[in-house]
């Protein structure tokens, strides 16, 4: 039970450990006869940090909690509960009427706070609403400590923050000034859209695909094209890292988020992960891949770029994804011949490897990375064998019919030559 008498008699806050902020109300009861100055005091200013139910920095035998440089929202007559400042008034305290009536609008302006933290204390619906009210829509962030992601408190907070486009970001690494609270071994972060997009890119690049999928599902309700922007940004980045984008798309497709791939990725991703019939066309020579009509003594078919055919079933392929070791590769399956494209185990004098259509679907040499890039305003791909790390190319010299053999290239494929790049499009016999 809080006592106004004890509160009035309590010592002033410790401003040796804690920073003495502008216009704190630590020495004043809630409202009453006092003329209030709302924070922030100028139009273009924001409040950096509010700790809801905070008591300032506390270091005790039980551990460390709280922060030294923030405003602390708390009950009017709550005193510091632990540590060497126990029984003193709370530093930089902004009062609310009660634990169930969390209303700071007389003290803090709407849309004015960058960061809000909550540590362990219950987050009721009144608290949810006030946190959402004071948070700045474009810059706001919330970090809560010691809560289960599946708790009702977090469900309510998540729903309230989503109204301001602030979303839960799993796997978020706290900045240094929010670390070191030894009383809590877990945290949940809720980020504004701009920060969330940046974090999503980091999750994908770092291979944290499960967290990336969760964050993507959280962002799906945002109307500013956040997911499309992240995808576009990664495609235009270094192509050698874009196998990560393919892995991210695979995880979305196979974890209940196919619509994200359909609506926020280029159309080629839908064709690839839907295992639809496609043509694979070389951008240097505008020739579609096909298998030869004849088989050799090992029952294999050679692989060519066709000088004329873009529609027959011979140039119809499917890409079969294979997930292994937190990465996705693809088998290139020719529908007409029921064969998979593989690289030869033997290299020629230049180190290049011939390619074949094979019935043996289990060979490691059948797997390829897809690296999407944007070139000349369209999505193209490097196709790189995962075993030999050789990108596919068409030969410079054509045969008498104008067709070109397909090889794995022993060298740099990122030199701008079109014969190392491939377009993937829906196959049609029309």
Protein backbone atom coordinates (compact mmCIF):
# COMPACT_ATOMS: atom_id res chain seq x y z
CA UNK A 1 0.00 0.00 0.00
CA UNK A 2 1.39 3.38 -1.03
CA UNK A 3 1.41 6.18 1.53
CA UNK A 4 1.35 9.86 0.61
CA UNK A 5 2.78 10.60 4.05
CA UNK A 6 5.81 8.33 3.55
CA UNK A 7 6.28 9.72 0.07
CA UNK A 8 6.28 13.32 1.31
CA UNK A 9 8.81 12.47 4.03
CA UNK A 10 11.08 10.50 1.68
CA UNK A 11 14.49 11.83 0.66
CA UNK A 12 14.90 13.50 -2.70
CA UNK A 13 16.02 11.43 -5.70
CA UNK A 14 19.64 10.43 -6.17
CA UNK A 15 20.96 12.66 -8.93
CA UNK A 16 24.53 11.56 -8.39
CA UNK A 17 23.83 8.17 -10.01
CA UNK A 18 20.98 9.42 -12.22
CA UNK A 19 20.97 12.33 -14.65
CA UNK A 20 18.74 15.21 -13.50
CA UNK A 21 16.42 15.62 -16.50
CA UNK A 22 14.52 18.72 -17.58
CA UNK A 23 11.19 19.31 -15.80
CA UNK A 24 10.96 16.08 -13.78
CA UNK A 25 8.00 15.82 -11.43
CA UNK A 26 9.64 13.60 -8.82
CA UNK A 27 8.84 15.98 -5.97
CA UNK A 28 5.23 16.66 -7.02
CA UNK A 29 2.07 14.59 -6.58
CA UNK A 30 -0.18 13.88 -9.54
CA UNK A 31 -1.62 17.12 -11.02
CA UNK A 32 -3.18 19.04 -8.14
CA UNK A 33 -2.54 22.76 -7.91
CA UNK A 34 0.68 22.71 -9.93
CA UNK A 35 1.09 24.33 -13.33
CA UNK A 36 2.46 21.63 -15.64
CA UNK A 37 4.94 21.96 -18.48
CA UNK A 38 4.39 19.26 -21.09
CA UNK A 39 7.34 17.41 -22.52
CA UNK A 40 8.98 17.95 -24.90
CA UNK A 41 8.98 21.71 -24.45
CA UNK A 42 9.59 22.69 -28.11
CA UNK A 43 7.84 21.64 -31.31
CA UNK A 44 10.88 20.09 -33.01
CA UNK A 45 12.19 18.26 -29.94
CA UNK A 46 11.59 14.62 -28.96
CA UNK A 47 12.04 12.78 -25.66
CA UNK A 48 14.85 10.26 -26.00
CA UNK A 49 13.87 7.69 -23.38
CA UNK A 50 11.00 6.79 -21.04
CA UNK A 51 11.15 3.77 -18.71
CA UNK A 52 7.58 2.79 -17.87
CA UNK A 53 7.33 1.71 -14.21
CA UNK A 54 11.01 2.60 -13.90
CA UNK A 55 12.72 3.67 -10.66
CA UNK A 56 16.07 4.84 -12.04
CA UNK A 57 19.33 2.92 -12.06
CA UNK A 58 19.41 0.27 -9.32
CA UNK A 59 22.46 -1.87 -8.51
CA UNK A 60 21.90 -4.28 -5.65
CA UNK A 61 22.98 -7.71 -4.45
CA UNK A 62 20.16 -9.12 -6.55
CA UNK A 63 21.39 -7.57 -9.79
CA UNK A 64 21.13 -4.49 -12.00
CA UNK A 65 17.92 -2.91 -13.28
CA UNK A 66 16.76 0.44 -14.56
CA UNK A 67 18.50 3.29 -16.35
CA UNK A 68 20.20 6.47 -15.22
CA UNK A 69 19.35 8.81 -18.09
CA UNK A 70 15.60 8.60 -18.71
CA UNK A 71 12.21 9.67 -17.46
CA UNK A 72 10.51 7.12 -15.19
CA UNK A 73 6.73 6.77 -15.38
CA UNK A 74 5.37 5.42 -12.09
CA UNK A 75 2.70 5.58 -9.39
CA UNK A 76 2.56 9.02 -7.65
CA UNK A 77 3.68 7.63 -4.29
CA UNK A 78 5.99 4.83 -5.41
CA UNK A 79 9.48 5.03 -3.90
CA UNK A 80 12.68 3.32 -5.03
CA UNK A 81 12.15 -0.31 -4.00
CA UNK A 82 15.67 -1.79 -3.94
CA UNK A 83 19.34 -1.01 -3.75
CA UNK A 84 21.20 1.78 -1.95
CA UNK A 85 18.48 4.34 -2.86
CA UNK A 86 15.66 2.28 -1.42
CA UNK A 87 12.99 4.51 0.14
CA UNK A 88 14.02 7.62 -1.79
CA UNK A 89 11.83 9.39 -4.33
CA UNK A 90 12.18 8.11 -7.89
CA UNK A 91 14.45 10.25 -10.10
CA UNK A 92 12.86 11.97 -13.09
CA UNK A 93 9.47 10.53 -12.11
CA UNK A 94 6.40 11.31 -14.21
CA UNK A 95 3.28 10.19 -12.30
CA UNK A 96 0.20 8.31 -13.49
CA UNK A 97 -3.05 8.21 -11.46
CA UNK A 98 -2.68 4.50 -10.65
CA UNK A 99 -1.38 1.18 -11.95
CA UNK A 100 -4.62 0.64 -13.86
CA UNK A 101 -5.08 4.25 -15.01
CA UNK A 102 -1.93 4.94 -16.99
CA UNK A 103 -2.43 8.42 -18.36
CA UNK A 104 0.58 10.69 -18.89
CA UNK A 105 -1.08 13.07 -21.36
CA UNK A 106 -0.86 15.94 -18.83
CA UNK A 107 2.92 15.50 -18.81
CA UNK A 108 3.98 13.96 -22.14
CA UNK A 109 2.76 15.07 -25.55
CA UNK A 110 1.41 12.65 -28.13
CA UNK A 111 3.85 11.17 -30.64
CA UNK A 112 6.89 12.56 -28.83
CA UNK A 113 9.03 9.69 -27.44
CA UNK A 114 11.75 7.75 -29.27
CA UNK A 115 12.27 4.83 -26.85
CA UNK A 116 10.08 3.23 -24.18
CA UNK A 117 11.22 0.34 -21.98
CA UNK A 118 9.25 -1.86 -19.58
CA UNK A 119 10.88 -4.26 -17.12
CA UNK A 120 8.87 -7.10 -15.66
CA UNK A 121 5.88 -5.05 -14.48
CA UNK A 122 2.43 -5.92 -15.84
CA UNK A 123 1.43 -4.25 -19.11
CA UNK A 124 -2.32 -3.74 -18.87
CA UNK A 125 -4.48 -2.24 -21.60
CA UNK A 126 -4.27 1.26 -20.14
CA UNK A 127 -0.48 0.98 -20.14
CA UNK A 128 -0.50 -0.34 -23.73
CA UNK A 129 -2.55 2.61 -24.91
CA UNK A 130 -0.39 5.21 -23.17
CA UNK A 131 2.85 3.71 -24.50
CA UNK A 132 1.43 3.74 -28.02
CA UNK A 133 0.17 7.30 -27.58
CA UNK A 134 3.52 8.78 -26.54
CA UNK A 135 5.64 6.87 -29.09
CA UNK A 136 6.71 8.72 -32.21
CA UNK A 137 5.31 6.89 -35.24
CA UNK A 138 8.41 7.26 -37.41
CA UNK A 139 11.16 6.88 -34.79
CA UNK A 140 9.53 5.02 -31.90
CA UNK A 141 10.86 1.79 -30.39
CA UNK A 142 9.80 -0.33 -27.42
CA UNK A 143 11.96 -2.83 -25.52
CA UNK A 144 10.38 -5.03 -22.83
CA UNK A 145 12.39 -7.24 -20.48
CA UNK A 146 11.37 -10.49 -18.82
CA UNK A 147 8.19 -11.22 -20.79
CA UNK A 148 7.10 -14.38 -22.59
CA UNK A 149 6.36 -13.73 -26.26
CA UNK A 150 3.19 -15.82 -25.88
CA UNK A 151 1.82 -13.92 -22.87
CA UNK A 152 -1.42 -11.97 -23.03
CA UNK A 153 0.43 -8.81 -22.00
CA UNK A 154 2.60 -9.04 -25.11
CA UNK A 155 -0.35 -9.93 -27.33
CA UNK A 156 -2.15 -6.79 -26.18
CA UNK A 157 0.96 -4.62 -26.56
CA UNK A 158 1.66 -6.01 -30.04
CA UNK A 159 -1.86 -5.18 -31.20
CA UNK A 160 -1.70 -1.65 -29.81
CA UNK A 161 1.71 -0.87 -31.28
CA UNK A 162 0.71 -2.21 -34.69
CA UNK A 163 -1.78 0.66 -34.91
CA UNK A 164 1.25 2.97 -35.09
CA UNK A 165 3.19 0.68 -37.45
CA UNK A 166 5.60 -0.47 -34.74
CA UNK A 167 6.28 -4.20 -34.96
CA UNK A 168 7.92 -7.01 -33.01
CA UNK A 169 11.40 -7.75 -34.36
CA UNK A 170 12.73 -11.17 -33.26
CA UNK A 171 16.47 -11.57 -32.83
CA UNK A 172 17.07 -7.84 -32.33
CA UNK A 173 20.48 -7.12 -30.82
CA UNK A 174 20.18 -4.47 -28.15
CA UNK A 175 22.43 -1.39 -28.35
CA UNK A 176 24.97 -1.12 -25.55
CA UNK A 177 23.00 1.38 -23.44
CA UNK A 178 20.13 -1.12 -23.14
CA UNK A 179 22.31 -4.05 -22.13
CA UNK A 180 23.57 -5.08 -18.71
CA UNK A 181 20.26 -5.54 -16.88
CA UNK A 182 21.21 -8.69 -14.99
CA UNK A 183 17.79 -9.18 -13.40
CA UNK A 184 16.40 -10.14 -16.84
CA UNK A 185 17.66 -12.76 -19.26
CA UNK A 186 15.33 -12.02 -22.17
CA UNK A 187 13.97 -9.08 -24.11
CA UNK A 188 11.50 -8.33 -26.88
CA UNK A 189 11.93 -5.39 -29.25
CA UNK A 190 9.25 -3.51 -31.19
CA UNK A 191 10.60 -1.28 -33.94
CA UNK A 192 9.36 1.43 -36.28
CA UNK A 193 9.08 0.51 -39.95
CA UNK A 194 12.34 2.13 -41.04
CA UNK A 195 14.38 0.35 -38.37
CA UNK A 196 12.47 -2.90 -38.89
CA UNK A 197 13.32 -2.88 -42.60
CA UNK A 198 16.99 -2.43 -41.78
CA UNK A 199 16.83 -5.25 -39.24
CA UNK A 200 15.07 -7.52 -41.75
CA UNK A 201 17.91 -7.01 -44.23
CA UNK A 202 20.43 -7.87 -41.50
CA UNK A 203 18.53 -11.02 -40.53
CA UNK A 204 18.52 -12.21 -44.14
CA UNK A 205 22.19 -11.41 -44.75
CA UNK A 206 23.13 -13.15 -41.47
CA UNK A 207 21.12 -16.25 -42.41
CA UNK A 208 18.60 -15.90 -39.54
CA UNK A 209 15.77 -16.92 -41.84
CA UNK A 210 13.24 -18.06 -39.24
CA UNK A 211 13.42 -14.68 -37.50
CA UNK A 212 13.27 -12.98 -40.90
CA UNK A 213 10.07 -14.87 -41.75
CA UNK A 214 8.49 -13.90 -38.42
CA UNK A 215 9.38 -10.22 -38.89
CA UNK A 216 8.10 -10.33 -42.48
CA UNK A 217 4.75 -11.65 -41.33
CA UNK A 218 4.62 -8.82 -38.77
CA UNK A 219 5.38 -6.24 -41.46
CA UNK A 220 2.87 -7.55 -43.99
CA UNK A 221 0.15 -5.20 -42.76
CA UNK A 222 2.32 -2.15 -43.40
CA UNK A 223 1.15 -0.21 -46.42
CA UNK A 224 4.36 1.58 -47.44
CA UNK A 225 5.85 -1.33 -49.41
CA UNK A 226 8.36 -2.26 -46.71
CA UNK A 227 8.89 -5.86 -47.82
CA UNK A 228 9.15 -4.96 -51.50
CA UNK A 229 11.75 -2.32 -50.61
CA UNK A 230 13.87 -4.82 -48.67
CA UNK A 231 13.73 -7.35 -51.52
CA UNK A 232 14.59 -4.70 -54.10
CA UNK A 233 17.49 -3.48 -51.98
CA UNK A 234 18.98 -6.95 -51.64
CA UNK A 235 18.65 -7.72 -55.33
CA UNK A 236 20.52 -4.55 -56.24
CA UNK A 237 23.28 -5.34 -53.72
CA UNK A 238 26.30 -7.58 -54.36
CA UNK A 239 24.95 -10.53 -56.36
CA UNK A 240 27.22 -13.02 -54.61
CA UNK A 241 25.21 -12.50 -51.40
CA UNK A 242 21.88 -12.96 -53.13
CA UNK A 243 21.77 -16.68 -52.54
CA UNK A 244 20.63 -15.45 -49.10
CA UNK A 245 17.62 -13.81 -50.74
CA UNK A 246 16.74 -17.12 -52.41
CA UNK A 247 16.98 -18.90 -49.04
CA UNK A 248 14.76 -16.26 -47.44
CA UNK A 249 12.17 -16.70 -50.22
CA UNK A 250 12.32 -20.48 -49.78
CA UNK A 251 11.63 -20.14 -46.05
CA UNK A 252 8.70 -17.81 -46.71
CA UNK A 253 7.25 -20.14 -49.32
CA UNK A 254 7.48 -23.17 -47.04
CA UNK A 255 6.36 -21.50 -43.80
CA UNK A 256 2.92 -20.20 -44.58
CA UNK A 257 3.93 -16.99 -46.34
CA UNK A 258 3.63 -17.78 -50.05
CA UNK A 259 1.64 -14.59 -50.57
CA UNK A 260 4.64 -12.53 -49.47
CA UNK A 261 6.68 -14.12 -52.26
CA UNK A 262 3.84 -13.71 -54.76
CA UNK A 263 3.18 -10.06 -53.89
CA UNK A 264 6.55 -8.62 -52.87
CA UNK A 265 9.13 -10.50 -54.96
CA UNK A 266 9.68 -10.39 -58.72
CA UNK A 267 7.44 -12.80 -60.67
CA UNK A 268 10.34 -15.16 -61.34
CA UNK A 269 10.40 -16.19 -57.67
CA UNK A 270 6.81 -17.40 -57.86
CA UNK A 271 7.68 -19.48 -60.93
CA UNK A 272 10.76 -20.92 -59.28
CA UNK A 273 9.34 -21.85 -55.88
CA UNK A 274 6.01 -22.94 -57.37
CA UNK A 275 8.07 -25.36 -59.51
CA UNK A 276 6.21 -24.14 -62.57
CA UNK A 277 7.32 -24.87 -66.13
CA UNK A 278 9.88 -22.30 -67.27
CA UNK A 279 12.35 -21.52 -70.03
CA UNK A 280 15.94 -20.69 -69.09
CA UNK A 281 17.29 -18.27 -71.66
CA UNK A 282 20.87 -17.06 -72.02
CA UNK A 283 21.04 -13.25 -72.08
CA UNK A 284 24.18 -13.08 -74.19
CA UNK A 285 22.89 -15.10 -77.13
CA UNK A 286 19.11 -15.20 -76.44
CA UNK A 287 19.12 -18.99 -76.63
CA UNK A 288 16.96 -21.25 -74.46
CA UNK A 289 18.45 -24.33 -72.83
CA UNK A 290 17.53 -27.74 -74.26
CA UNK A 291 18.78 -31.33 -74.16
CA UNK A 292 19.98 -33.09 -77.28
CA UNK A 293 17.66 -35.53 -79.05
CA UNK A 294 20.29 -38.27 -78.97
CA UNK A 295 21.84 -39.99 -75.95
CA UNK A 296 25.47 -41.05 -75.60
CA UNK A 297 26.82 -44.42 -74.51
CA UNK A 298 26.19 -43.51 -70.85
CA UNK A 299 22.55 -42.67 -71.61
CA UNK A 300 23.23 -38.95 -71.11
CA UNK A 301 22.14 -36.03 -73.28
CA UNK A 302 24.28 -33.01 -74.06
CA UNK A 303 22.97 -29.57 -73.14
CA UNK A 304 22.65 -26.72 -75.62
CA UNK A 305 21.37 -23.23 -76.19
CA UNK A 306 18.89 -23.47 -79.04
CA UNK A 307 19.28 -20.98 -81.87
CA UNK A 308 15.57 -20.90 -82.70
CA UNK A 309 13.29 -22.86 -80.34
CA UNK A 310 11.66 -20.94 -77.47
CA UNK A 311 8.38 -22.84 -77.21
CA UNK A 312 8.70 -26.58 -77.63
CA UNK A 313 8.67 -28.98 -74.71
CA UNK A 314 12.40 -29.52 -75.26
CA UNK A 315 13.07 -26.11 -73.67
CA UNK A 316 10.66 -26.70 -70.76
CA UNK A 317 12.31 -26.89 -67.31
CA UNK A 318 11.41 -26.92 -63.64
CA UNK A 319 13.62 -25.77 -60.77
CA UNK A 320 13.46 -28.13 -57.79
CA UNK A 321 14.58 -26.52 -54.50
CA UNK A 322 16.78 -28.47 -52.08
CA UNK A 323 17.23 -27.16 -48.51
CA UNK A 324 20.43 -28.19 -46.71
CA UNK A 325 22.72 -26.54 -44.15
CA UNK A 326 20.66 -23.35 -43.95
CA UNK A 327 20.88 -22.79 -47.69
CA UNK A 328 18.82 -23.51 -50.79
CA UNK A 329 20.10 -24.92 -54.05
CA UNK A 330 18.15 -26.03 -57.11
CA UNK A 331 18.06 -29.00 -59.43
CA UNK A 332 17.36 -28.04 -63.03
CA UNK A 333 14.89 -30.62 -64.32
CA UNK A 334 14.09 -31.00 -68.03
CA UNK A 335 10.43 -31.97 -68.31
CA UNK A 336 10.60 -33.39 -71.83
CA UNK A 337 13.45 -35.83 -71.18
CA UNK A 338 12.88 -36.45 -67.46
CA UNK A 339 16.52 -35.56 -66.77
CA UNK A 340 18.52 -33.27 -64.47
CA UNK A 341 21.30 -30.94 -65.56
CA UNK A 342 24.70 -31.90 -64.14
CA UNK A 343 28.33 -30.89 -64.57
CA UNK A 344 30.88 -33.40 -65.76
CA UNK A 345 33.23 -34.82 -63.13
CA UNK A 346 36.14 -34.14 -65.50
CA UNK A 347 37.31 -30.69 -66.57
CA UNK A 348 38.81 -29.77 -69.96
CA UNK A 349 42.19 -28.10 -70.51
CA UNK A 350 40.73 -24.71 -69.54
CA UNK A 351 39.22 -26.09 -66.36
CA UNK A 352 35.69 -25.80 -67.78
CA UNK A 353 33.23 -28.66 -67.35
CA UNK A 354 30.81 -30.05 -69.86
CA UNK A 355 27.12 -30.37 -68.97
CA UNK A 356 24.75 -33.29 -69.36
CA UNK A 357 21.17 -34.33 -68.87
CA UNK A 358 21.25 -37.19 -66.35
CA UNK A 359 18.72 -39.63 -64.89
CA UNK A 360 20.69 -39.81 -61.65
CA UNK A 361 18.88 -37.33 -59.42
CA UNK A 362 21.05 -37.95 -56.34
CA UNK A 363 24.37 -36.55 -57.61
CA UNK A 364 25.80 -33.52 -55.80
CA UNK A 365 26.81 -32.06 -59.16
CA UNK A 366 23.11 -31.55 -59.97
CA UNK A 367 22.66 -28.70 -57.46
CA UNK A 368 22.95 -25.03 -58.36
CA UNK A 369 22.78 -21.71 -56.55
CA UNK A 370 20.65 -18.98 -58.10
CA UNK A 371 21.99 -15.45 -57.71
CA UNK A 372 19.42 -12.84 -58.80
CA UNK A 373 20.52 -9.44 -60.10
CA UNK A 374 18.88 -6.54 -61.91
CA UNK A 375 20.43 -5.91 -65.31
CA UNK A 376 19.03 -3.67 -68.02
CA UNK A 377 15.90 -3.19 -65.93
CA UNK A 378 15.03 -6.87 -65.59
CA UNK A 379 15.67 -9.73 -63.19
CA UNK A 380 18.43 -12.06 -64.36
CA UNK A 381 20.31 -14.86 -62.63
CA UNK A 382 23.75 -16.30 -62.34
CA UNK A 383 23.44 -20.09 -62.06
CA UNK A 384 26.38 -21.52 -60.12
CA UNK A 385 27.08 -25.21 -59.51
CA UNK A 386 27.30 -25.83 -55.77
CA UNK A 387 29.89 -28.63 -55.99
CA UNK A 388 32.38 -27.11 -58.43
CA UNK A 389 31.49 -23.42 -57.92
CA UNK A 390 31.31 -22.88 -61.66
CA UNK A 391 28.73 -20.61 -63.26
CA UNK A 392 26.87 -21.78 -66.34
CA UNK A 393 27.75 -20.22 -69.70
CA UNK A 394 27.19 -20.80 -73.39
CA UNK A 395 30.14 -21.37 -75.67
CA UNK A 396 31.24 -18.45 -77.84
CA UNK A 397 31.36 -20.59 -80.96
CA UNK A 398 28.16 -22.10 -82.37
CA UNK A 399 27.74 -25.30 -84.37
CA UNK A 400 26.47 -25.42 -87.94
CA UNK A 401 22.86 -24.91 -86.79
CA UNK A 402 23.73 -21.93 -84.62
CA UNK A 403 23.33 -23.85 -81.33
CA UNK A 404 25.88 -23.48 -78.53
CA UNK A 405 27.10 -25.97 -75.92
CA UNK A 406 26.56 -25.28 -72.23
CA UNK A 407 29.56 -25.38 -69.87
CA UNK A 408 30.54 -24.69 -66.28
CA UNK A 409 32.96 -21.76 -66.41
CA UNK A 410 36.34 -21.96 -64.67
CA UNK A 411 36.78 -18.27 -63.90
CA UNK A 412 35.04 -15.00 -63.15
CA UNK A 413 31.40 -14.89 -64.27
CA UNK A 414 30.73 -11.40 -62.85
CA UNK A 415 32.56 -9.53 -65.62
CA UNK A 416 29.51 -8.12 -67.39
CA UNK A 417 29.30 -10.68 -70.21
CA UNK A 418 25.72 -11.63 -71.02
CA UNK A 419 26.60 -15.25 -71.73
CA UNK A 420 27.00 -15.83 -67.98
CA UNK A 421 23.53 -14.46 -67.16
CA UNK A 422 20.16 -16.14 -67.50
CA UNK A 423 16.51 -15.10 -67.71
CA UNK A 424 13.85 -17.37 -66.23
CA UNK A 425 10.37 -16.98 -67.68
CA UNK A 426 7.11 -18.93 -67.76
CA UNK A 427 7.20 -21.61 -70.47
CA UNK A 428 4.48 -21.49 -73.08
CA UNK A 429 3.95 -23.63 -76.17
CA UNK A 430 1.80 -20.94 -77.79
